[in-house]
Amino acid sequence: MSNDFRRAKVIDSMRGFSLFGILLANMLIFQYGIYGKDIIHLFSLSPSDSAAYVFLKVAVEESFMPIFTFLFGYSMVKMKESLERRKLGVKRHFFRRFFLLLGFGLLHGVFLWEGDILTFYGMMGVFLLLFFLKRKAKTLLVWASILLVLTGAAGYGSLNDNMYLLSDKQTLTTYVKDTIHVYGSGTYEQIKDHRNNVDPMNVAGYKFAFAFLFTPFIMGALFLFGMYAGKKKWFYDVSANQKQYGRWAAALIPLGLLLKGTMYLWPDANWAGSTHMLGGSLLSLGYIAGFAWLYAKYEKSFLIKAFESVGRISLSNYLMQTVICTTIFYGYGLGYFGKLGMIAGIFVCIGIYGIQLIGSYMYVQKFQTGPVEKLLRIWTNFSWSGKPKEKKALPAEVNHPFVG
């Protein structure tokens, strides 16, 4: 087995693993809404559900999505290297890919769910392509470190302050109460209208524009760490580096949990917001190292192979999670919005992801890519087969496939 093939299997497995954590974190939004999840006192939680809520906020939320982010940056570097080896146009390939990813995200966010991240990834892809893809590994590491510090600084403020940072308490409370009613019992059109047209923030246009332009710098650290890892050829031989991954995991996971937990240990301390944000990124890196260690130890297990299968069709699985969960929680489905509770929600996640593990494993035995991934490849390569078209009878110096 070649090192490239081993690396691809590790990355797919890690991507599949991260999708479970993303589902757990997103369950908060599916159950309580994008704003309601952060003012959870408006919902009646049992003591056990309250404990489960803190667990999800500290150990899961803002620490699994960054794994996906890291892998996005890593994969960009690997795709660039592959395109260059095959003498394909890098920028055209990536621009087409990110344009369709942006389109998927807009459709996903407008018509299905407010927690979409594909739009953000489409925009970040263009940002990274324009400013960072050709940079040296050392430059990426320096910028990633700078942006990591900036991420912590951006979180400055207490838990209670940050909760109402962009909206007054009464306005946000009223919005969440309206959301409970609309999402729990409304029709599809009523829910879509509320999601797209009711805004509790009332942010001025210039403030929104500033936030839009500044967001890539706040969220870019894990993208750049991933690109750095890609250039340094991490994960090519996890067995040889197993002890090193174990040491990193043993250091970063406890540190990340401690830093994230400060927000709940000292909710009125302004510095706790910064440590919470910084802890989220460090915990993500710890989880990445920890999974690499586990992969080296249990590479041949069914669970690792199932993670790999989920990761190979991760975009299709991500969108399927939205369809299933909105059907469970929204009024046009079963209408369990705000009613199920944290622990029950976790078990729902385990059930959904368990089905995806088995279903994905069976699916990839017959098909190489997922249905959404197939559409992305067709568009990116301008080819019904999803593969780049070869140009024939060209001089040797320009004999390269049509960019895809």
Protein backbone atom coordinates (compact mmCIF):
# COMPACT_ATOMS: atom_id res chain seq x y z
CA MET A 1 0.00 0.00 0.00
CA SER A 2 1.51 3.36 -1.05
CA ASN A 3 2.00 6.20 1.43
CA ASP A 4 -0.44 8.36 -0.56
CA PHE A 5 -3.12 5.67 -0.29
CA ARG A 6 -2.49 5.23 3.46
CA ARG A 7 -2.71 8.97 3.99
CA ALA A 8 -6.02 9.18 2.09
CA LYS A 9 -7.50 6.41 4.26
CA VAL A 10 -6.43 8.16 7.47
CA ILE A 11 -7.89 11.49 6.31
CA ASP A 12 -11.17 9.90 5.22
CA SER A 13 -11.44 8.08 8.55
CA MET A 14 -10.73 11.26 10.51
CA ARG A 15 -13.31 13.14 8.44
CA GLY A 16 -15.88 10.45 9.15
CA PHE A 17 -15.09 10.55 12.87
CA SER A 18 -15.44 14.34 12.96
CA LEU A 19 -18.88 14.07 11.35
CA PHE A 20 -20.18 12.34 14.49
CA GLY A 21 -18.99 15.20 16.68
CA ILE A 22 -20.44 17.70 14.22
CA LEU A 23 -23.80 15.94 14.47
CA LEU A 24 -23.66 16.08 18.28
CA ALA A 25 -22.87 19.80 18.20
CA ASN A 26 -25.50 20.51 15.55
CA MET A 27 -28.09 18.65 17.61
CA LEU A 28 -28.11 21.70 19.89
CA ILE A 29 -29.19 23.84 16.94
CA PHE A 30 -31.66 21.28 15.61
CA GLN A 31 -33.28 21.04 19.05
CA TYR A 32 -33.07 24.63 20.32
CA GLY A 33 -32.20 26.89 17.39
CA ILE A 34 -29.11 28.87 16.46
CA TYR A 35 -29.70 31.39 19.28
CA GLY A 36 -31.73 29.28 21.68
CA LYS A 37 -28.86 26.86 22.27
CA ASP A 38 -26.91 29.63 24.00
CA ILE A 39 -29.74 30.85 26.24
CA ILE A 40 -30.76 27.39 27.31
CA HIS A 41 -32.42 28.62 30.53
CA LEU A 42 -35.50 29.36 28.40
CA PHE A 43 -35.97 25.59 28.10
CA SER A 44 -36.83 23.26 30.97
CA LEU A 45 -33.83 20.97 31.41
CA SER A 46 -33.51 18.28 34.06
CA PRO A 47 -30.29 18.19 36.13
CA SER A 48 -28.98 15.33 33.98
CA ASP A 49 -29.83 17.21 30.78
CA SER A 50 -28.08 20.30 32.16
CA ALA A 51 -24.96 18.24 32.82
CA ALA A 52 -25.14 16.78 29.31
CA TYR A 53 -25.48 20.32 27.93
CA VAL A 54 -22.28 21.48 29.64
CA PHE A 55 -20.51 18.33 28.39
CA LEU A 56 -21.53 19.09 24.79
CA LYS A 57 -20.54 22.76 25.08
CA VAL A 58 -17.12 21.94 26.53
CA ALA A 59 -16.11 18.65 24.90
CA VAL A 60 -17.90 18.82 21.54
CA GLU A 61 -19.15 22.19 20.30
CA GLU A 62 -16.51 24.31 18.52
CA SER A 63 -14.03 21.40 18.68
CA PHE A 64 -15.26 18.97 16.01
CA MET A 65 -16.13 21.39 13.24
CA PRO A 66 -12.53 22.69 13.39
CA ILE A 67 -11.34 19.12 12.67
CA PHE A 68 -13.31 19.31 9.43
CA THR A 69 -11.77 22.75 8.89
CA PHE A 70 -8.25 21.38 9.43
CA LEU A 71 -8.93 18.58 6.94
CA PHE A 72 -10.30 21.08 4.42
CA GLY A 73 -6.98 22.94 4.45
CA TYR A 74 -5.01 19.69 4.37
CA SER A 75 -6.99 18.41 1.38
CA MET A 76 -6.53 21.68 -0.51
CA VAL A 77 -2.77 21.19 -0.43
CA LYS A 78 -3.02 17.55 -1.52
CA MET A 79 -5.41 18.44 -4.36
CA LYS A 80 -3.09 21.23 -5.50
CA GLU A 81 -0.16 18.80 -5.60
CA SER A 82 -2.24 16.27 -7.53
CA LEU A 83 -3.39 18.87 -10.06
CA GLU A 84 0.16 20.09 -10.59
CA ARG A 85 1.47 16.55 -11.12
CA ARG A 86 -1.18 16.04 -13.80
CA LYS A 87 -0.48 19.51 -15.27
CA LEU A 88 -4.04 20.74 -14.66
CA GLY A 89 -5.01 24.35 -14.00
CA VAL A 90 -5.13 24.75 -10.22
CA LYS A 91 -7.05 28.03 -9.91
CA ARG A 92 -9.76 27.14 -12.42
CA HIS A 93 -10.29 23.79 -10.75
CA PHE A 94 -10.60 25.28 -7.28
CA PHE A 95 -12.73 28.27 -8.29
CA ARG A 96 -15.29 25.99 -9.92
CA ARG A 97 -15.28 23.68 -6.93
CA PHE A 98 -15.74 26.47 -4.38
CA PHE A 99 -18.40 28.19 -6.49
CA LEU A 100 -20.58 25.06 -6.43
CA LEU A 101 -19.84 24.48 -2.74
CA LEU A 102 -21.04 28.02 -2.10
CA GLY A 103 -24.16 27.27 -4.13
CA PHE A 104 -24.86 24.09 -2.16
CA GLY A 105 -24.45 26.07 1.04
CA LEU A 106 -26.85 28.83 0.03
CA LEU A 107 -29.50 26.29 -0.97
CA HIS A 108 -28.93 24.34 2.23
CA GLY A 109 -29.17 27.43 4.43
CA VAL A 110 -32.16 29.04 2.72
CA PHE A 111 -34.34 25.99 2.18
CA LEU A 112 -33.39 23.58 4.97
CA TRP A 113 -31.46 24.80 7.99
CA GLU A 114 -29.80 27.89 9.48
CA GLY A 115 -26.72 26.02 10.73
CA ASP A 116 -25.16 25.58 7.27
CA ILE A 117 -21.36 25.67 7.04
CA LEU A 118 -20.91 24.94 3.33
CA THR A 119 -21.34 28.61 2.38
CA PHE A 120 -18.55 29.53 4.78
CA TYR A 121 -16.29 26.80 3.40
CA GLY A 122 -16.92 27.99 -0.15
CA MET A 123 -15.90 31.54 0.79
CA MET A 124 -12.93 30.40 2.87
CA GLY A 125 -11.73 28.23 0.00
CA VAL A 126 -11.51 31.27 -2.27
CA PHE A 127 -9.77 33.25 0.49
CA LEU A 128 -7.17 30.52 1.03
CA LEU A 129 -6.68 30.06 -2.71
CA LEU A 130 -5.97 33.75 -3.24
CA PHE A 131 -3.75 34.41 -0.24
CA PHE A 132 -2.24 31.21 1.19
CA LEU A 133 -2.20 28.17 -1.10
CA LYS A 134 1.20 28.98 -2.62
CA ARG A 135 2.84 29.97 0.66
CA LYS A 136 5.68 27.98 2.20
CA ALA A 137 5.00 25.70 5.17
CA LYS A 138 6.81 28.01 7.60
CA THR A 139 4.74 31.00 6.47
CA LEU A 140 1.53 29.01 6.98
CA LEU A 141 2.62 28.00 10.48
CA VAL A 142 3.42 31.60 11.44
CA TRP A 143 0.09 32.90 10.15
CA ALA A 144 -1.81 30.02 11.76
CA SER A 145 -0.24 30.86 15.12
CA ILE A 146 -1.05 34.56 14.72
CA LEU A 147 -4.66 33.80 13.81
CA LEU A 148 -4.95 31.37 16.73
CA VAL A 149 -4.03 34.19 19.11
CA LEU A 150 -6.44 36.49 17.28
CA THR A 151 -9.19 33.88 17.73
CA GLY A 152 -8.65 33.97 21.48
CA ALA A 153 -8.67 37.76 21.53
CA ALA A 154 -11.93 37.85 19.57
CA GLY A 155 -13.62 35.80 22.29
CA TYR A 156 -12.80 38.29 25.06
CA GLY A 157 -15.76 38.75 27.36
CA SER A 158 -17.70 36.77 29.94
CA LEU A 159 -20.29 34.11 29.15
CA ASN A 160 -23.07 36.46 30.17
CA ASP A 161 -21.65 39.37 28.15
CA ASN A 162 -21.09 37.37 24.96
CA MET A 163 -24.58 35.92 25.10
CA TYR A 164 -26.12 39.32 24.36
CA LEU A 165 -23.23 40.85 22.44
CA LEU A 166 -25.19 41.82 19.32
CA SER A 167 -28.74 42.01 20.66
CA ASP A 168 -30.47 43.14 23.84
CA LYS A 169 -31.77 40.50 26.20
CA GLN A 170 -35.47 41.19 25.66
CA THR A 171 -35.27 41.13 21.86
CA LEU A 172 -33.32 37.87 21.80
CA THR A 173 -35.59 36.25 24.38
CA THR A 174 -38.68 37.17 22.38
CA TYR A 175 -37.09 35.83 19.20
CA VAL A 176 -36.23 32.48 20.80
CA LYS A 177 -39.75 32.10 22.21
CA ASP A 178 -41.20 32.81 18.77
CA THR A 179 -38.77 30.29 17.29
CA ILE A 180 -39.95 27.61 19.71
CA HIS A 181 -43.53 28.10 18.53
CA VAL A 182 -42.79 28.41 14.79
CA TYR A 183 -40.23 25.60 14.54
CA GLY A 184 -42.18 23.25 16.78
CA SER A 185 -45.58 23.55 15.10
CA GLY A 186 -45.19 25.65 11.94
CA THR A 187 -45.44 24.59 8.32
CA TYR A 188 -42.40 24.36 6.05
CA GLU A 189 -43.14 27.81 4.57
CA GLN A 190 -43.61 29.40 8.01
CA ILE A 191 -40.33 27.95 9.26
CA LYS A 192 -38.47 29.02 6.12
CA ASP A 193 -39.86 32.55 6.38
CA HIS A 194 -38.88 32.81 10.06
CA ARG A 195 -35.38 31.49 9.35
CA ASN A 196 -34.69 33.83 6.44
CA ASN A 197 -36.59 37.01 7.29
CA VAL A 198 -36.71 37.40 11.08
CA ASP A 199 -33.47 38.79 12.53
CA PRO A 200 -33.05 39.39 16.28
CA MET A 201 -29.69 41.11 15.85
CA ASN A 202 -30.61 44.17 13.78
CA VAL A 203 -26.94 44.61 12.90
CA ALA A 204 -26.15 47.72 10.86
CA GLY A 205 -24.99 47.07 7.30
CA TYR A 206 -21.47 48.41 7.82
CA LYS A 207 -21.03 46.23 10.92
CA PHE A 208 -22.16 43.16 9.01
CA ALA A 209 -19.75 43.99 6.16
CA PHE A 210 -16.90 44.40 8.64
CA ALA A 211 -17.72 41.08 10.30
CA PHE A 212 -17.94 39.39 6.89
CA LEU A 213 -14.48 40.63 5.88
CA PHE A 214 -12.92 39.90 9.28
CA THR A 215 -14.34 36.39 9.75
CA PRO A 216 -11.72 34.58 7.59
CA PHE A 217 -8.98 35.94 9.83
CA ILE A 218 -10.81 34.89 13.00
CA MET A 219 -11.66 31.41 11.72
CA GLY A 220 -8.60 30.77 9.58
CA ALA A 221 -6.17 29.24 12.08
CA LEU A 222 -7.27 25.61 11.70
CA PHE A 223 -7.47 25.94 7.91
CA LEU A 224 -3.85 27.07 7.89
CA PHE A 225 -2.70 24.43 10.38
CA GLY A 226 -4.27 21.88 8.04
CA MET A 227 -2.45 23.33 5.04
CA TYR A 228 0.80 23.28 7.02
CA ALA A 229 0.20 19.62 7.90
CA GLY A 230 -0.44 18.84 4.23
CA LYS A 231 2.81 20.46 3.13
CA LYS A 232 4.75 18.66 5.89
CA LYS A 233 3.19 15.32 4.87
CA TRP A 234 1.57 14.48 8.19
CA PHE A 235 -0.40 11.20 8.41
CA TYR A 236 1.59 9.43 5.68
CA ASP A 237 2.76 6.81 8.19
CA VAL A 238 0.75 7.03 11.41
CA SER A 239 2.23 3.80 12.78
CA ALA A 240 5.77 5.20 12.71
CA ASN A 241 4.62 8.35 14.53
CA GLN A 242 2.09 6.77 16.89
CA LYS A 243 3.96 7.69 20.08
CA GLN A 244 4.32 11.29 18.96
CA TYR A 245 0.58 11.54 18.22
CA GLY A 246 -0.13 10.03 21.63
CA ARG A 247 2.04 12.61 23.39
CA TRP A 248 0.35 15.48 21.56
CA ALA A 249 -3.09 14.11 22.38
CA ALA A 250 -2.19 13.61 26.05
CA ALA A 251 -1.09 17.24 26.28
CA LEU A 252 -3.66 19.04 24.12
CA ILE A 253 -6.91 17.28 25.07
CA PRO A 254 -6.72 18.02 28.84
CA LEU A 255 -5.46 21.55 28.14
CA GLY A 256 -8.23 22.23 25.65
CA LEU A 257 -10.93 20.90 28.00
CA LEU A 258 -9.56 23.00 30.86
CA LEU A 259 -9.46 26.19 28.79
CA LYS A 260 -12.96 25.63 27.39
CA GLY A 261 -14.29 24.82 30.86
CA THR A 262 -13.20 28.19 32.27
CA MET A 263 -16.26 29.78 30.64
CA TYR A 264 -18.48 27.71 32.94
CA LEU A 265 -16.23 27.76 36.01
CA TRP A 266 -15.92 31.55 35.90
CA PRO A 267 -18.88 32.77 33.77
CA ASP A 268 -18.45 36.41 34.80
CA ALA A 269 -14.72 36.64 34.06
CA ASN A 270 -13.94 38.57 30.87
CA TRP A 271 -10.80 36.54 30.18
CA ALA A 272 -12.83 33.30 30.21
CA GLY A 273 -14.22 34.07 26.75
CA SER A 274 -10.70 34.18 25.32
CA THR A 275 -9.57 30.97 26.99
CA HIS A 276 -12.77 29.25 25.84
CA MET A 277 -12.15 30.20 22.20
CA LEU A 278 -8.47 29.25 22.35
CA GLY A 279 -9.34 25.99 24.08
CA GLY A 280 -11.71 25.01 21.29
CA SER A 281 -8.91 25.09 18.71
CA LEU A 282 -6.38 23.33 20.94
CA LEU A 283 -8.91 20.62 21.79
CA SER A 284 -9.52 20.10 18.07
CA LEU A 285 -5.81 19.58 17.48
CA GLY A 286 -5.76 17.19 20.43
CA TYR A 287 -8.64 15.18 18.96
CA ILE A 288 -6.83 15.04 15.60
CA ALA A 289 -3.68 13.69 17.26
CA GLY A 290 -5.73 11.31 19.39
CA PHE A 291 -7.56 9.90 16.39
CA ALA A 292 -4.27 9.41 14.53
CA TRP A 293 -2.99 7.46 17.54
CA LEU A 294 -6.15 5.31 17.61
CA TYR A 295 -5.97 4.76 13.86
CA ALA A 296 -2.43 3.42 14.14
CA LYS A 297 -3.57 1.04 16.89
CA TYR A 298 -6.86 -0.17 15.38
CA GLU A 299 -6.37 0.37 11.64
CA LYS A 300 -7.88 -2.97 10.66
CA SER A 301 -10.98 -2.74 12.89
CA PHE A 302 -14.47 -2.51 11.41
CA LEU A 303 -15.12 0.81 13.18
CA ILE A 304 -12.13 2.47 11.52
CA LYS A 305 -13.23 1.13 8.13
CA ALA A 306 -16.75 2.42 8.79
CA PHE A 307 -15.38 5.86 9.74
CA GLU A 308 -13.47 5.83 6.45
CA SER A 309 -16.66 5.01 4.54
CA VAL A 310 -18.55 7.89 6.17
CA GLY A 311 -15.66 10.22 5.40
CA ARG A 312 -15.50 9.25 1.73
CA ILE A 313 -19.07 10.51 1.25
CA SER A 314 -19.02 13.11 4.02
CA LEU A 315 -20.79 15.86 2.08
CA SER A 316 -23.74 13.60 1.27
CA ASN A 317 -23.82 12.37 4.88
CA TYR A 318 -23.70 15.93 6.25
CA LEU A 319 -26.69 16.98 4.15
CA MET A 320 -28.54 13.77 5.03
CA GLN A 321 -28.12 14.61 8.72
CA THR A 322 -29.94 17.88 8.07
CA VAL A 323 -32.83 16.17 6.28
CA ILE A 324 -33.25 13.57 9.04
CA CYS A 325 -32.94 15.97 11.98
CA THR A 326 -35.18 18.71 10.60
CA THR A 327 -37.79 16.02 9.94
CA ILE A 328 -37.53 14.89 13.57
CA PHE A 329 -37.58 18.33 15.20
CA TYR A 330 -39.49 20.72 12.93
CA GLY A 331 -43.23 21.18 12.75
CA TYR A 332 -43.57 19.79 9.23
CA GLY A 333 -42.12 16.52 10.59
CA LEU A 334 -42.46 15.07 14.08
CA GLY A 335 -42.30 18.46 15.82
CA TYR A 336 -39.95 17.59 18.69
CA PHE A 337 -38.27 21.03 18.68
CA GLY A 338 -37.25 21.93 22.26
CA LYS A 339 -39.01 18.87 23.69
CA LEU A 340 -36.68 15.89 23.50
CA GLY A 341 -33.91 16.89 25.91
CA MET A 342 -30.13 16.62 25.83
CA ILE A 343 -29.58 12.99 26.74
CA ALA A 344 -32.33 11.76 24.42
CA GLY A 345 -30.85 13.98 21.70
CA ILE A 346 -27.45 12.35 22.18
CA PHE A 347 -29.01 8.91 21.74
CA VAL A 348 -30.76 10.15 18.59
CA CYS A 349 -27.34 11.23 17.29
CA ILE A 350 -25.87 7.82 18.07
CA GLY A 351 -28.76 6.17 16.22
CA ILE A 352 -28.49 8.40 13.15
CA TYR A 353 -24.73 8.12 12.96
CA GLY A 354 -24.86 4.36 13.53
CA ILE A 355 -27.14 4.04 10.51
CA GLN A 356 -24.75 6.22 8.51
CA LEU A 357 -21.78 4.07 9.56
CA ILE A 358 -23.40 0.88 8.32
CA GLY A 359 -25.09 2.48 5.31
CA SER A 360 -21.92 4.22 4.15
CA TYR A 361 -19.87 1.04 4.56
CA MET A 362 -22.34 -0.82 2.35
CA TYR A 363 -22.61 2.06 -0.13
CA VAL A 364 -18.89 2.39 -0.84
CA GLN A 365 -18.69 -1.32 -1.64
CA LYS A 366 -20.66 -0.52 -4.82
CA PHE A 367 -20.00 3.17 -5.53
CA GLN A 368 -16.80 5.21 -5.41
CA THR A 369 -18.38 8.56 -4.50
CA GLY A 370 -21.54 9.87 -2.88
CA PRO A 371 -24.31 11.47 -4.96
CA VAL A 372 -23.50 15.05 -3.91
CA GLU A 373 -19.77 14.42 -4.30
CA LYS A 374 -20.48 13.13 -7.81
CA LEU A 375 -22.28 16.37 -8.73
CA LEU A 376 -19.36 18.36 -7.34
CA ARG A 377 -16.89 16.40 -9.48
CA ILE A 378 -19.02 16.69 -12.62
CA TRP A 379 -19.16 20.47 -12.24
CA THR A 380 -15.54 20.86 -11.21
CA ASN A 381 -14.23 18.81 -14.13
CA PHE A 382 -16.92 19.75 -16.69
CA SER A 383 -17.25 16.03 -17.37
CA TRP A 384 -20.22 13.68 -16.97
CA SER A 385 -17.84 11.01 -15.71
CA GLY A 386 -16.56 13.35 -13.01
CA LYS A 387 -13.02 12.87 -14.32
CA PRO A 388 -10.86 15.40 -16.20
CA LYS A 389 -10.96 15.17 -19.99
CA GLU A 390 -7.69 14.32 -21.67
CA LYS A 391 -6.56 16.55 -24.53
CA LYS A 392 -5.14 14.47 -27.38
CA ALA A 393 -2.41 15.10 -29.92
CA LEU A 394 -0.89 18.07 -28.15
CA PRO A 395 2.84 18.86 -28.13
CA ALA A 396 4.62 17.22 -25.22
CA GLU A 397 5.18 20.46 -23.33
CA VAL A 398 1.44 21.24 -23.17
CA ASN A 399 0.06 17.71 -23.23
CA HIS A 400 -2.18 17.88 -20.17
CA PRO A 401 -5.80 17.02 -19.35
CA PHE A 402 -8.50 19.66 -19.40
CA VAL A 403 -8.72 21.21 -15.96
CA GLY A 404 -11.50 19.77 -13.79
